[in-house]
């Protein structure tokens, strides 16, 4: 297993087992209306990684006494409430409105890599090697401090490394990556039945990163 890429086999097993990417949300509430906006960045979740959304455990994902609507309706309600309550702050709120809408529109245009279970399983060994440094920094932080908030910066670096690597895999080895995912689904995620496709993907990645040339030079 460790012969595929230079690196720590235990780290490969750890990431292979633990990596799950989940969406986090930003909730906007005004006048009995609410809307959840995807933050546009998924956070790695595993036995050793805390999901940022869990820090807001007091916020319920479902609020039956409120009405779920589009973001524009929530922001319009917020504007109306602000105008009725204190007109002196309307200018500042209008600026906040423009910024929030712009951010929401930007999030819609961001193309995130696929982070479903099949995609992560296929890329797990590549992720284990490419994200090793960021993951090690995060694990050392967790050993020093048990407070989940203390290592959020390091956790975000791991997340960024994973998303960057997944984008590179999709861009530079898309054909073999897609073939591996298709084969894995067809074989009910029995990896032993998809070694041919796995080898093709990892060979493509080694060529893209120049690992074959590096090993030959040694």
N, C-alpha and C. Protein backbone atom coordinates (compact mmCIF):
# COMPACT_ATOMS: atom_id res chain seq x y z
N UNK A 1 0.82 -1.21 0.00
CA UNK A 1 0.00 0.00 0.00
C UNK A 1 0.85 1.26 0.00
N UNK A 2 1.90 1.26 0.83
CA UNK A 2 2.74 2.45 0.93
C UNK A 2 3.66 2.58 -0.27
N UNK A 3 3.72 1.55 -1.14
CA UNK A 3 4.59 1.62 -2.29
C UNK A 3 4.03 2.46 -3.42
N UNK A 4 2.74 2.76 -3.38
CA UNK A 4 2.13 3.54 -4.45
C UNK A 4 2.68 4.96 -4.46
N UNK A 5 2.70 5.58 -3.31
CA UNK A 5 3.23 6.93 -3.18
C UNK A 5 4.18 6.96 -1.99
N UNK A 6 5.23 7.80 -2.05
CA UNK A 6 6.07 7.96 -0.87
C UNK A 6 5.24 8.56 0.24
N UNK A 7 5.36 8.03 1.44
CA UNK A 7 4.57 8.58 2.54
C UNK A 7 4.31 7.57 3.62
N UNK A 8 3.50 7.94 4.57
CA UNK A 8 3.22 7.13 5.75
C UNK A 8 1.97 6.30 5.52
N UNK A 9 2.08 4.97 5.60
CA UNK A 9 0.93 4.11 5.34
C UNK A 9 -0.16 4.29 6.38
N UNK A 10 0.23 4.58 7.64
CA UNK A 10 -0.78 4.78 8.67
C UNK A 10 -1.60 6.04 8.39
N UNK A 11 -0.96 7.05 7.82
CA UNK A 11 -1.68 8.27 7.45
C UNK A 11 -2.65 7.97 6.32
N UNK A 12 -2.22 7.15 5.37
CA UNK A 12 -3.10 6.75 4.27
C UNK A 12 -4.33 6.06 4.82
N UNK A 13 -4.14 5.14 5.76
CA UNK A 13 -5.26 4.43 6.35
C UNK A 13 -6.16 5.38 7.12
N UNK A 14 -5.55 6.34 7.82
CA UNK A 14 -6.33 7.29 8.61
C UNK A 14 -7.22 8.14 7.72
N UNK A 15 -6.65 8.71 6.66
CA UNK A 15 -7.44 9.55 5.77
C UNK A 15 -8.44 8.73 4.98
N UNK A 16 -8.04 7.52 4.59
CA UNK A 16 -8.94 6.64 3.85
C UNK A 16 -10.18 6.35 4.68
N UNK A 17 -10.00 6.23 6.00
CA UNK A 17 -11.11 5.89 6.89
C UNK A 17 -11.91 7.11 7.32
N UNK A 18 -11.23 8.21 7.58
CA UNK A 18 -11.86 9.33 8.27
C UNK A 18 -12.40 10.44 7.38
N UNK A 19 -11.87 10.60 6.18
CA UNK A 19 -12.24 11.78 5.40
C UNK A 19 -13.70 11.71 4.95
N UNK A 20 -14.48 12.65 5.41
CA UNK A 20 -15.84 12.85 4.93
C UNK A 20 -16.03 14.35 4.84
N UNK A 21 -16.44 14.86 3.71
CA UNK A 21 -16.64 16.29 3.58
C UNK A 21 -18.12 16.60 3.71
N UNK A 22 -18.44 17.58 4.52
CA UNK A 22 -19.83 17.95 4.73
C UNK A 22 -20.02 19.44 4.51
N UNK A 23 -21.21 19.80 4.07
CA UNK A 23 -21.53 21.21 3.86
C UNK A 23 -21.75 21.91 5.20
N UNK A 24 -21.30 23.13 5.29
CA UNK A 24 -21.66 23.98 6.42
C UNK A 24 -22.56 25.09 5.89
N UNK A 25 -23.37 25.65 6.77
CA UNK A 25 -24.37 26.61 6.34
C UNK A 25 -24.29 27.89 7.16
N UNK A 26 -24.71 28.97 6.53
CA UNK A 26 -24.85 30.25 7.20
C UNK A 26 -26.34 30.57 7.22
N UNK A 27 -26.92 30.75 8.41
CA UNK A 27 -28.36 30.97 8.52
C UNK A 27 -28.68 32.46 8.64
N UNK A 28 -29.59 32.92 7.79
CA UNK A 28 -30.09 34.30 7.85
C UNK A 28 -31.54 34.25 8.32
N UNK A 29 -31.86 35.05 9.34
CA UNK A 29 -33.20 35.06 9.94
C UNK A 29 -33.70 36.49 10.02
N UNK A 30 -34.97 36.70 9.66
CA UNK A 30 -35.58 38.04 9.79
C UNK A 30 -37.09 37.91 9.71
N UNK A 31 -37.79 38.45 10.71
CA UNK A 31 -39.24 38.53 10.67
C UNK A 31 -39.95 37.22 10.45
N UNK A 32 -39.51 36.16 11.10
CA UNK A 32 -40.17 34.87 10.95
C UNK A 32 -39.78 34.11 9.70
N UNK A 33 -38.81 34.63 8.94
CA UNK A 33 -38.32 33.98 7.73
C UNK A 33 -36.87 33.57 7.94
N UNK A 34 -36.46 32.48 7.29
CA UNK A 34 -35.06 32.10 7.39
C UNK A 34 -34.61 31.43 6.10
N UNK A 35 -33.29 31.48 5.88
CA UNK A 35 -32.70 30.87 4.70
C UNK A 35 -31.31 30.38 5.06
N UNK A 36 -30.97 29.16 4.65
CA UNK A 36 -29.64 28.60 4.87
C UNK A 36 -28.82 28.71 3.59
N UNK A 37 -27.64 29.29 3.70
CA UNK A 37 -26.76 29.46 2.54
C UNK A 37 -25.55 28.55 2.70
N UNK A 38 -25.24 27.78 1.67
CA UNK A 38 -24.03 26.97 1.69
C UNK A 38 -22.83 27.91 1.69
N UNK A 39 -21.89 27.63 2.58
CA UNK A 39 -20.74 28.52 2.72
C UNK A 39 -19.78 28.42 1.55
N UNK A 40 -19.91 27.39 0.74
CA UNK A 40 -19.05 27.27 -0.42
C UNK A 40 -17.73 26.59 -0.14
N UNK A 41 -17.51 26.17 1.11
CA UNK A 41 -16.28 25.46 1.46
C UNK A 41 -16.63 24.33 2.39
N UNK A 42 -16.34 23.13 1.99
CA UNK A 42 -16.65 21.98 2.82
C UNK A 42 -15.55 21.76 3.85
N UNK A 43 -15.93 21.27 4.99
CA UNK A 43 -14.99 21.05 6.08
C UNK A 43 -14.78 19.56 6.26
N UNK A 44 -13.53 19.15 6.38
CA UNK A 44 -13.24 17.74 6.58
C UNK A 44 -13.77 17.30 7.94
N UNK A 45 -14.42 16.16 7.95
CA UNK A 45 -14.95 15.63 9.20
C UNK A 45 -14.44 14.20 9.36
N UNK A 46 -13.99 13.87 10.54
CA UNK A 46 -13.54 12.53 10.85
C UNK A 46 -13.42 12.37 12.35
N UNK A 47 -12.83 11.28 12.78
CA UNK A 47 -12.70 11.05 14.22
C UNK A 47 -11.88 12.15 14.89
N UNK A 48 -10.96 12.75 14.15
CA UNK A 48 -10.05 13.73 14.74
C UNK A 48 -10.31 15.15 14.27
N UNK A 49 -11.40 15.37 13.56
CA UNK A 49 -11.63 16.68 12.97
C UNK A 49 -13.02 17.17 13.33
N UNK A 50 -13.12 18.41 13.74
CA UNK A 50 -14.41 18.97 14.15
C UNK A 50 -15.03 19.73 12.99
N UNK A 51 -16.31 19.59 12.81
CA UNK A 51 -17.04 20.33 11.80
C UNK A 51 -17.37 21.71 12.35
N UNK A 52 -17.04 22.76 11.61
CA UNK A 52 -17.24 24.12 12.11
C UNK A 52 -18.69 24.35 12.51
N UNK A 53 -19.61 23.79 11.78
CA UNK A 53 -21.02 23.99 12.08
C UNK A 53 -21.42 23.47 13.44
N UNK A 54 -20.66 22.52 13.99
CA UNK A 54 -21.01 21.96 15.28
C UNK A 54 -20.79 22.96 16.41
N UNK A 55 -20.00 24.00 16.15
CA UNK A 55 -19.77 25.00 17.18
C UNK A 55 -21.03 25.79 17.47
N UNK A 56 -21.96 25.80 16.51
CA UNK A 56 -23.23 26.49 16.70
C UNK A 56 -24.32 25.47 16.98
N UNK A 57 -24.09 24.65 17.99
CA UNK A 57 -25.01 23.55 18.29
C UNK A 57 -26.37 24.04 18.76
N UNK A 58 -26.45 25.32 19.20
CA UNK A 58 -27.73 25.83 19.67
C UNK A 58 -28.67 26.19 18.53
N UNK A 59 -28.14 26.23 17.31
CA UNK A 59 -28.97 26.55 16.16
C UNK A 59 -29.56 25.27 15.58
N UNK A 60 -30.86 25.18 15.53
CA UNK A 60 -31.51 24.01 14.98
C UNK A 60 -31.55 24.13 13.46
N UNK A 61 -31.34 23.00 12.78
CA UNK A 61 -31.37 23.03 11.33
C UNK A 61 -32.79 23.23 10.81
N UNK A 62 -33.77 22.79 11.56
CA UNK A 62 -35.16 22.95 11.16
C UNK A 62 -35.90 23.80 12.18
N UNK A 63 -36.64 24.77 11.74
CA UNK A 63 -37.40 25.64 12.62
C UNK A 63 -38.85 25.65 12.14
N UNK A 64 -39.69 24.73 12.67
CA UNK A 64 -41.06 24.60 12.18
C UNK A 64 -41.91 25.84 12.38
N UNK A 65 -41.55 26.69 13.36
CA UNK A 65 -42.33 27.89 13.60
C UNK A 65 -41.96 29.02 12.66
N UNK A 66 -40.99 28.79 11.79
CA UNK A 66 -40.56 29.81 10.84
C UNK A 66 -40.73 29.30 9.42
N UNK A 67 -40.66 30.18 8.46
CA UNK A 67 -40.85 29.85 7.06
C UNK A 67 -39.52 29.92 6.32
N UNK A 68 -39.18 28.83 5.62
CA UNK A 68 -37.95 28.82 4.82
C UNK A 68 -38.22 29.49 3.48
N UNK A 69 -37.41 30.47 3.13
CA UNK A 69 -37.59 31.21 1.88
C UNK A 69 -36.23 31.41 1.22
N UNK A 70 -36.23 32.08 0.07
CA UNK A 70 -34.99 32.42 -0.61
C UNK A 70 -34.29 33.55 0.14
N UNK A 71 -32.99 33.66 -0.08
CA UNK A 71 -32.18 34.66 0.61
C UNK A 71 -32.70 36.08 0.38
N UNK A 72 -33.10 36.37 -0.86
CA UNK A 72 -33.56 37.71 -1.18
C UNK A 72 -34.74 38.13 -0.31
N UNK A 73 -35.65 37.19 -0.02
CA UNK A 73 -36.81 37.51 0.81
C UNK A 73 -36.40 37.81 2.25
N UNK A 74 -35.43 37.05 2.76
CA UNK A 74 -34.95 37.30 4.12
C UNK A 74 -34.30 38.67 4.22
N UNK A 75 -33.48 39.00 3.24
CA UNK A 75 -32.79 40.29 3.26
C UNK A 75 -33.77 41.45 3.10
N UNK A 76 -34.80 41.25 2.28
CA UNK A 76 -35.81 42.29 2.13
C UNK A 76 -36.57 42.50 3.44
N UNK A 77 -36.87 41.38 4.14
CA UNK A 77 -37.55 41.48 5.43
C UNK A 77 -36.67 42.19 6.44
N UNK A 78 -35.37 41.90 6.39
CA UNK A 78 -34.42 42.55 7.29
C UNK A 78 -34.38 44.05 7.02
N UNK A 79 -34.42 44.42 5.75
CA UNK A 79 -34.44 45.83 5.39
C UNK A 79 -35.70 46.53 5.91
N UNK A 80 -36.84 45.86 5.75
CA UNK A 80 -38.10 46.46 6.21
C UNK A 80 -38.10 46.66 7.72
N UNK A 81 -37.62 45.64 8.45
CA UNK A 81 -37.58 45.74 9.90
C UNK A 81 -36.64 46.85 10.34
N UNK A 82 -35.52 46.97 9.66
CA UNK A 82 -34.57 48.01 10.00
C UNK A 82 -35.16 49.40 9.74
N UNK A 83 -35.87 49.54 8.62
CA UNK A 83 -36.47 50.83 8.28
C UNK A 83 -37.55 51.22 9.28
N UNK A 84 -38.32 50.23 9.71
CA UNK A 84 -39.38 50.50 10.67
C UNK A 84 -38.82 50.81 12.06
N UNK A 85 -37.71 50.15 12.41
CA UNK A 85 -37.18 50.30 13.76
C UNK A 85 -36.24 51.46 13.94
N UNK A 86 -35.34 51.69 12.97
CA UNK A 86 -34.34 52.74 13.14
C UNK A 86 -33.83 53.16 11.78
N UNK A 87 -34.35 54.24 11.24
CA UNK A 87 -33.98 54.67 9.89
C UNK A 87 -32.55 55.18 9.83
N UNK A 88 -31.97 55.51 10.98
CA UNK A 88 -30.61 56.07 10.97
C UNK A 88 -29.58 55.05 10.57
N UNK A 89 -29.90 53.75 10.69
CA UNK A 89 -28.94 52.71 10.35
C UNK A 89 -29.23 52.10 8.99
N UNK A 90 -30.17 52.68 8.24
CA UNK A 90 -30.58 52.09 6.97
C UNK A 90 -29.43 52.06 5.97
N UNK A 91 -28.63 53.13 5.94
CA UNK A 91 -27.55 53.19 4.98
C UNK A 91 -26.55 52.06 5.20
N UNK A 92 -26.22 51.82 6.48
CA UNK A 92 -25.29 50.75 6.79
C UNK A 92 -25.86 49.39 6.43
N UNK A 93 -27.16 49.20 6.68
CA UNK A 93 -27.80 47.93 6.36
C UNK A 93 -27.85 47.70 4.86
N UNK A 94 -28.05 48.76 4.09
CA UNK A 94 -28.10 48.62 2.64
C UNK A 94 -26.76 48.13 2.12
N UNK A 95 -25.68 48.66 2.70
CA UNK A 95 -24.36 48.21 2.31
C UNK A 95 -24.18 46.73 2.64
N UNK A 96 -24.64 46.32 3.82
CA UNK A 96 -24.56 44.91 4.22
C UNK A 96 -25.37 44.04 3.27
N UNK A 97 -26.52 44.55 2.85
CA UNK A 97 -27.38 43.82 1.92
C UNK A 97 -26.64 43.56 0.61
N UNK A 98 -26.03 44.61 0.05
CA UNK A 98 -25.33 44.48 -1.21
C UNK A 98 -24.19 43.47 -1.11
N UNK A 99 -23.44 43.55 -0.01
CA UNK A 99 -22.31 42.64 0.18
C UNK A 99 -22.79 41.20 0.29
N UNK A 100 -23.85 40.98 1.08
CA UNK A 100 -24.35 39.63 1.29
C UNK A 100 -24.85 39.02 -0.01
N UNK A 101 -25.60 39.80 -0.80
CA UNK A 101 -26.10 39.30 -2.08
C UNK A 101 -24.94 38.97 -3.02
N UNK A 102 -23.93 39.85 -3.04
CA UNK A 102 -22.77 39.61 -3.90
C UNK A 102 -22.06 38.33 -3.50
N UNK A 103 -21.91 38.10 -2.19
CA UNK A 103 -21.26 36.89 -1.71
C UNK A 103 -22.07 35.66 -2.09
N UNK A 104 -23.39 35.75 -1.97
CA UNK A 104 -24.26 34.62 -2.32
C UNK A 104 -24.14 34.29 -3.80
N UNK A 105 -24.11 35.33 -4.65
CA UNK A 105 -23.99 35.10 -6.08
C UNK A 105 -22.64 34.49 -6.42
N UNK A 106 -21.59 34.93 -5.71
CA UNK A 106 -20.26 34.40 -5.96
C UNK A 106 -20.20 32.92 -5.60
N UNK A 107 -20.85 32.54 -4.48
CA UNK A 107 -20.84 31.14 -4.07
C UNK A 107 -21.49 30.25 -5.11
N UNK A 108 -22.52 30.78 -5.78
CA UNK A 108 -23.23 29.99 -6.78
C UNK A 108 -22.34 29.66 -7.97
N UNK A 109 -21.36 30.53 -8.26
CA UNK A 109 -20.51 30.34 -9.42
C UNK A 109 -19.27 29.51 -9.12
N UNK A 110 -18.98 29.25 -7.85
CA UNK A 110 -17.80 28.47 -7.48
C UNK A 110 -18.06 26.99 -7.72
N UNK A 111 -17.20 26.38 -8.52
CA UNK A 111 -17.35 24.95 -8.82
C UNK A 111 -16.45 24.16 -7.88
N UNK A 112 -17.06 23.49 -6.94
CA UNK A 112 -16.30 22.66 -6.01
C UNK A 112 -16.09 21.28 -6.61
N UNK A 113 -14.99 20.62 -6.27
CA UNK A 113 -14.78 19.26 -6.75
C UNK A 113 -15.80 18.32 -6.11
N UNK A 114 -16.01 17.18 -6.75
CA UNK A 114 -16.92 16.19 -6.19
C UNK A 114 -16.36 15.65 -4.88
N UNK A 115 -17.21 15.61 -3.85
CA UNK A 115 -16.77 15.13 -2.53
C UNK A 115 -17.69 14.04 -2.02
N UNK A 116 -18.33 13.31 -2.92
CA UNK A 116 -19.16 12.20 -2.50
C UNK A 116 -18.27 11.05 -2.05
N UNK A 117 -18.87 10.04 -1.45
CA UNK A 117 -18.11 8.94 -0.88
C UNK A 117 -17.26 8.22 -1.92
N UNK A 118 -17.81 8.02 -3.12
CA UNK A 118 -17.06 7.33 -4.17
C UNK A 118 -15.83 8.12 -4.58
N UNK A 119 -15.98 9.43 -4.77
CA UNK A 119 -14.86 10.27 -5.18
C UNK A 119 -13.75 10.26 -4.13
N UNK A 120 -14.13 10.37 -2.86
CA UNK A 120 -13.14 10.39 -1.78
C UNK A 120 -12.45 9.05 -1.63
N UNK A 121 -13.19 7.97 -1.84
CA UNK A 121 -12.59 6.64 -1.76
C UNK A 121 -11.55 6.47 -2.87
N UNK A 122 -11.89 6.89 -4.08
CA UNK A 122 -10.97 6.75 -5.20
C UNK A 122 -9.71 7.60 -5.02
N UNK A 123 -9.86 8.77 -4.44
CA UNK A 123 -8.73 9.69 -4.29
C UNK A 123 -8.03 9.58 -2.95
N UNK A 124 -8.47 8.68 -2.08
CA UNK A 124 -7.99 8.63 -0.70
C UNK A 124 -6.48 8.48 -0.60
N UNK A 125 -5.89 7.59 -1.39
CA UNK A 125 -4.45 7.36 -1.29
C UNK A 125 -3.66 8.57 -1.81
N UNK A 126 -4.18 9.21 -2.82
CA UNK A 126 -3.54 10.43 -3.32
C UNK A 126 -3.65 11.54 -2.28
N UNK A 127 -4.83 11.68 -1.68
CA UNK A 127 -5.03 12.70 -0.65
C UNK A 127 -4.11 12.47 0.54
N UNK A 128 -3.93 11.21 0.90
CA UNK A 128 -3.09 10.88 2.05
C UNK A 128 -1.67 11.40 1.87
N UNK A 129 -1.17 11.29 0.64
CA UNK A 129 0.19 11.76 0.40
C UNK A 129 0.26 13.27 0.24
N UNK A 130 -0.63 13.83 -0.56
CA UNK A 130 -0.56 15.25 -0.87
C UNK A 130 -0.93 16.14 0.32
N UNK A 131 -1.74 15.63 1.23
CA UNK A 131 -2.20 16.43 2.37
C UNK A 131 -1.48 16.06 3.67
N UNK A 132 -0.40 15.30 3.56
CA UNK A 132 0.28 14.78 4.74
C UNK A 132 0.80 15.88 5.66
N UNK A 133 1.44 16.90 5.09
CA UNK A 133 2.03 17.96 5.92
C UNK A 133 0.95 18.74 6.68
N UNK A 134 -0.11 19.11 5.98
CA UNK A 134 -1.19 19.86 6.63
C UNK A 134 -1.87 19.01 7.70
N UNK A 135 -2.04 17.73 7.40
CA UNK A 135 -2.69 16.84 8.35
C UNK A 135 -1.83 16.64 9.60
N UNK A 136 -0.52 16.53 9.40
CA UNK A 136 0.39 16.35 10.53
C UNK A 136 0.36 17.58 11.44
N UNK A 137 0.34 18.76 10.84
CA UNK A 137 0.25 19.99 11.63
C UNK A 137 -1.04 20.03 12.44
N UNK A 138 -2.13 19.58 11.82
CA UNK A 138 -3.42 19.56 12.50
C UNK A 138 -3.40 18.57 13.66
N UNK A 139 -2.85 17.38 13.44
CA UNK A 139 -2.83 16.36 14.48
C UNK A 139 -1.96 16.79 15.66
N UNK A 140 -0.85 17.46 15.37
CA UNK A 140 0.00 17.95 16.46
C UNK A 140 -0.72 19.00 17.28
N UNK A 141 -1.50 19.83 16.61
CA UNK A 141 -2.29 20.84 17.32
C UNK A 141 -3.32 20.17 18.22
N UNK A 142 -3.98 19.13 17.72
CA UNK A 142 -4.98 18.42 18.50
C UNK A 142 -4.37 17.75 19.72
N UNK A 143 -3.13 17.31 19.59
CA UNK A 143 -2.45 16.69 20.73
C UNK A 143 -2.10 17.71 21.80
N UNK A 144 -1.83 18.95 21.36
CA UNK A 144 -1.46 20.00 22.31
C UNK A 144 -2.67 20.59 23.02
N UNK A 145 -3.81 20.63 22.35
CA UNK A 145 -4.98 21.32 22.89
C UNK A 145 -6.25 20.56 22.53
N UNK A 146 -7.02 20.17 23.54
CA UNK A 146 -8.25 19.41 23.32
C UNK A 146 -9.43 20.29 22.93
N UNK A 147 -9.27 21.59 23.02
CA UNK A 147 -10.34 22.51 22.65
C UNK A 147 -10.51 22.52 21.14
N UNK A 148 -11.69 22.15 20.61
CA UNK A 148 -11.89 22.10 19.16
C UNK A 148 -11.61 23.42 18.46
N UNK A 149 -11.86 24.54 19.15
CA UNK A 149 -11.66 25.84 18.52
C UNK A 149 -10.17 26.16 18.31
N UNK A 150 -9.31 25.52 19.09
CA UNK A 150 -7.89 25.86 19.06
C UNK A 150 -7.23 25.49 17.74
N UNK A 151 -7.79 24.53 17.02
CA UNK A 151 -7.13 24.01 15.82
C UNK A 151 -7.95 24.24 14.55
N UNK A 152 -8.85 25.20 14.59
CA UNK A 152 -9.67 25.47 13.40
C UNK A 152 -8.83 25.94 12.22
N UNK A 153 -7.82 26.75 12.49
CA UNK A 153 -6.96 27.24 11.41
C UNK A 153 -6.25 26.09 10.73
N UNK A 154 -5.69 25.18 11.54
CA UNK A 154 -5.00 24.02 10.98
C UNK A 154 -5.98 23.11 10.23
N UNK A 155 -7.19 22.97 10.78
CA UNK A 155 -8.19 22.15 10.11
C UNK A 155 -8.59 22.72 8.76
N UNK A 156 -8.68 24.04 8.68
CA UNK A 156 -9.01 24.68 7.42
C UNK A 156 -7.90 24.47 6.39
N UNK A 157 -6.66 24.40 6.84
CA UNK A 157 -5.55 24.14 5.93
C UNK A 157 -5.65 22.73 5.34
N UNK A 158 -6.06 21.77 6.16
CA UNK A 158 -6.26 20.41 5.66
C UNK A 158 -7.38 20.41 4.63
N UNK A 159 -8.46 21.10 4.95
CA UNK A 159 -9.58 21.19 4.02
C UNK A 159 -9.15 21.79 2.69
N UNK A 160 -8.40 22.89 2.76
CA UNK A 160 -7.94 23.56 1.55
C UNK A 160 -7.04 22.64 0.73
N UNK A 161 -6.18 21.88 1.41
CA UNK A 161 -5.28 20.96 0.72
C UNK A 161 -6.06 19.86 0.01
N UNK A 162 -7.09 19.35 0.68
CA UNK A 162 -7.92 18.29 0.09
C UNK A 162 -8.65 18.81 -1.14
N UNK A 163 -9.29 19.97 -1.02
CA UNK A 163 -10.04 20.52 -2.14
C UNK A 163 -9.13 20.84 -3.32
N UNK A 164 -7.95 21.38 -3.03
CA UNK A 164 -6.98 21.69 -4.09
C UNK A 164 -6.56 20.42 -4.81
N UNK A 165 -6.28 19.37 -4.05
CA UNK A 165 -5.85 18.11 -4.66
C UNK A 165 -6.96 17.49 -5.49
N UNK A 166 -8.18 17.51 -4.97
CA UNK A 166 -9.31 16.95 -5.72
C UNK A 166 -9.51 17.69 -7.04
N UNK A 167 -9.36 19.01 -7.01
CA UNK A 167 -9.49 19.78 -8.25
C UNK A 167 -8.41 19.37 -9.25
N UNK A 168 -7.19 19.18 -8.77
CA UNK A 168 -6.09 18.80 -9.65
C UNK A 168 -6.32 17.41 -10.22
N UNK A 169 -6.84 16.50 -9.41
CA UNK A 169 -7.13 15.15 -9.90
C UNK A 169 -8.18 15.21 -11.00
N UNK A 170 -9.26 15.96 -10.77
CA UNK A 170 -10.32 16.08 -11.77
C UNK A 170 -9.81 16.73 -13.05
N UNK A 171 -8.93 17.73 -12.91
CA UNK A 171 -8.45 18.48 -14.07
C UNK A 171 -7.42 17.71 -14.88
N UNK A 172 -6.49 17.05 -14.19
CA UNK A 172 -5.33 16.45 -14.87
C UNK A 172 -5.43 14.95 -15.07
N UNK A 173 -6.31 14.29 -14.32
CA UNK A 173 -6.48 12.84 -14.47
C UNK A 173 -7.96 12.49 -14.53
N UNK A 174 -8.73 13.38 -15.14
CA UNK A 174 -10.18 13.22 -15.14
C UNK A 174 -10.66 11.92 -15.76
N UNK A 175 -10.04 11.49 -16.84
CA UNK A 175 -10.50 10.28 -17.54
C UNK A 175 -10.32 9.04 -16.67
N UNK A 176 -9.12 8.86 -16.12
CA UNK A 176 -8.88 7.69 -15.28
C UNK A 176 -9.63 7.78 -13.96
N UNK A 177 -9.80 9.00 -13.46
CA UNK A 177 -10.55 9.22 -12.22
C UNK A 177 -12.01 8.82 -12.41
N UNK A 178 -12.60 9.24 -13.51
CA UNK A 178 -13.99 8.90 -13.80
C UNK A 178 -14.16 7.40 -14.01
N UNK A 179 -13.19 6.79 -14.69
CA UNK A 179 -13.25 5.34 -14.93
C UNK A 179 -13.18 4.57 -13.62
N UNK A 180 -12.33 5.03 -12.71
CA UNK A 180 -12.20 4.37 -11.41
C UNK A 180 -13.50 4.51 -10.61
N UNK A 181 -14.07 5.69 -10.61
CA UNK A 181 -15.33 5.90 -9.86
C UNK A 181 -16.45 5.05 -10.44
N UNK A 182 -16.51 4.97 -11.76
CA UNK A 182 -17.55 4.17 -12.41
C UNK A 182 -17.39 2.70 -12.05
N UNK A 183 -16.13 2.22 -12.08
CA UNK A 183 -15.87 0.82 -11.76
C UNK A 183 -16.18 0.52 -10.30
N UNK A 184 -15.85 1.45 -9.42
CA UNK A 184 -16.10 1.24 -7.99
C UNK A 184 -17.59 1.16 -7.70
N UNK A 185 -18.37 2.02 -8.33
CA UNK A 185 -19.82 1.97 -8.16
C UNK A 185 -20.39 0.67 -8.71
N UNK A 186 -19.91 0.27 -9.88
CA UNK A 186 -20.40 -0.94 -10.53
C UNK A 186 -20.12 -2.17 -9.68
N UNK A 187 -19.00 -2.15 -8.94
CA UNK A 187 -18.60 -3.30 -8.12
C UNK A 187 -18.93 -3.10 -6.65
N UNK A 188 -19.92 -2.25 -6.36
CA UNK A 188 -20.41 -2.06 -5.00
C UNK A 188 -19.29 -1.71 -4.02
N UNK A 189 -18.36 -0.87 -4.48
CA UNK A 189 -17.26 -0.37 -3.65
C UNK A 189 -16.32 -1.48 -3.16
N UNK A 190 -16.25 -2.56 -3.91
CA UNK A 190 -15.26 -3.60 -3.59
C UNK A 190 -13.96 -3.22 -4.30
N UNK A 191 -13.06 -2.62 -3.53
CA UNK A 191 -11.83 -2.08 -4.12
C UNK A 191 -10.99 -3.17 -4.77
N UNK A 192 -11.00 -4.37 -4.22
CA UNK A 192 -10.21 -5.46 -4.79
C UNK A 192 -10.62 -5.78 -6.23
N UNK A 193 -11.84 -5.40 -6.60
CA UNK A 193 -12.33 -5.66 -7.95
C UNK A 193 -11.99 -4.53 -8.91
N UNK A 194 -11.36 -3.48 -8.40
CA UNK A 194 -11.09 -2.30 -9.24
C UNK A 194 -9.62 -1.90 -9.23
N UNK A 195 -8.74 -2.86 -9.00
CA UNK A 195 -7.31 -2.54 -8.91
C UNK A 195 -6.77 -1.99 -10.23
N UNK A 196 -7.29 -2.47 -11.36
CA UNK A 196 -6.82 -2.01 -12.66
C UNK A 196 -7.08 -0.51 -12.81
N UNK A 197 -8.30 -0.09 -12.49
CA UNK A 197 -8.65 1.32 -12.60
C UNK A 197 -7.91 2.17 -11.56
N UNK A 198 -7.71 1.60 -10.38
CA UNK A 198 -6.97 2.31 -9.33
C UNK A 198 -5.54 2.56 -9.77
N UNK A 199 -4.92 1.53 -10.33
CA UNK A 199 -3.53 1.65 -10.80
C UNK A 199 -3.41 2.69 -11.90
N UNK A 200 -4.39 2.72 -12.80
CA UNK A 200 -4.36 3.69 -13.90
C UNK A 200 -4.44 5.12 -13.38
N UNK A 201 -5.31 5.35 -12.40
CA UNK A 201 -5.43 6.69 -11.82
C UNK A 201 -4.14 7.10 -11.13
N UNK A 202 -3.58 6.22 -10.33
CA UNK A 202 -2.39 6.57 -9.57
C UNK A 202 -1.18 6.72 -10.47
N UNK A 203 -1.13 5.97 -11.57
CA UNK A 203 -0.05 6.14 -12.53
C UNK A 203 -0.17 7.50 -13.21
N UNK A 204 -1.39 7.89 -13.56
CA UNK A 204 -1.62 9.22 -14.15
C UNK A 204 -1.16 10.31 -13.18
N UNK A 205 -1.49 10.14 -11.92
CA UNK A 205 -1.12 11.16 -10.93
C UNK A 205 0.39 11.23 -10.74
N UNK A 206 1.06 10.09 -10.72
CA UNK A 206 2.52 10.09 -10.59
C UNK A 206 3.16 10.82 -11.76
N UNK A 207 2.63 10.59 -12.96
CA UNK A 207 3.19 11.26 -14.13
C UNK A 207 2.95 12.76 -14.06
N UNK A 208 1.76 13.16 -13.65
CA UNK A 208 1.42 14.58 -13.53
C UNK A 208 2.33 15.28 -12.52
N UNK A 209 2.59 14.63 -11.39
CA UNK A 209 3.40 15.23 -10.34
C UNK A 209 4.90 15.02 -10.55
N UNK A 210 5.26 14.18 -11.51
CA UNK A 210 6.67 13.92 -11.77
C UNK A 210 7.33 12.99 -10.79
N UNK A 211 6.53 12.17 -10.10
CA UNK A 211 7.10 11.26 -9.10
C UNK A 211 7.92 10.16 -9.76
N UNK A 212 7.52 9.69 -10.93
CA UNK A 212 8.28 8.64 -11.61
C UNK A 212 9.68 9.12 -11.93
N UNK A 213 9.78 10.35 -12.45
CA UNK A 213 11.08 10.91 -12.79
C UNK A 213 11.94 11.10 -11.55
N UNK A 214 11.31 11.52 -10.45
CA UNK A 214 12.04 11.73 -9.20
C UNK A 214 12.64 10.43 -8.70
N UNK A 215 11.85 9.33 -8.77
CA UNK A 215 12.34 8.04 -8.30
C UNK A 215 13.45 7.52 -9.20
N UNK A 216 13.34 7.78 -10.52
CA UNK A 216 14.38 7.33 -11.45
C UNK A 216 15.68 8.08 -11.20
N UNK A 217 15.58 9.37 -10.87
CA UNK A 217 16.78 10.16 -10.60
C UNK A 217 17.54 9.64 -9.39
N UNK A 218 16.77 9.09 -8.42
CA UNK A 218 17.41 8.56 -7.22
C UNK A 218 18.18 7.29 -7.55
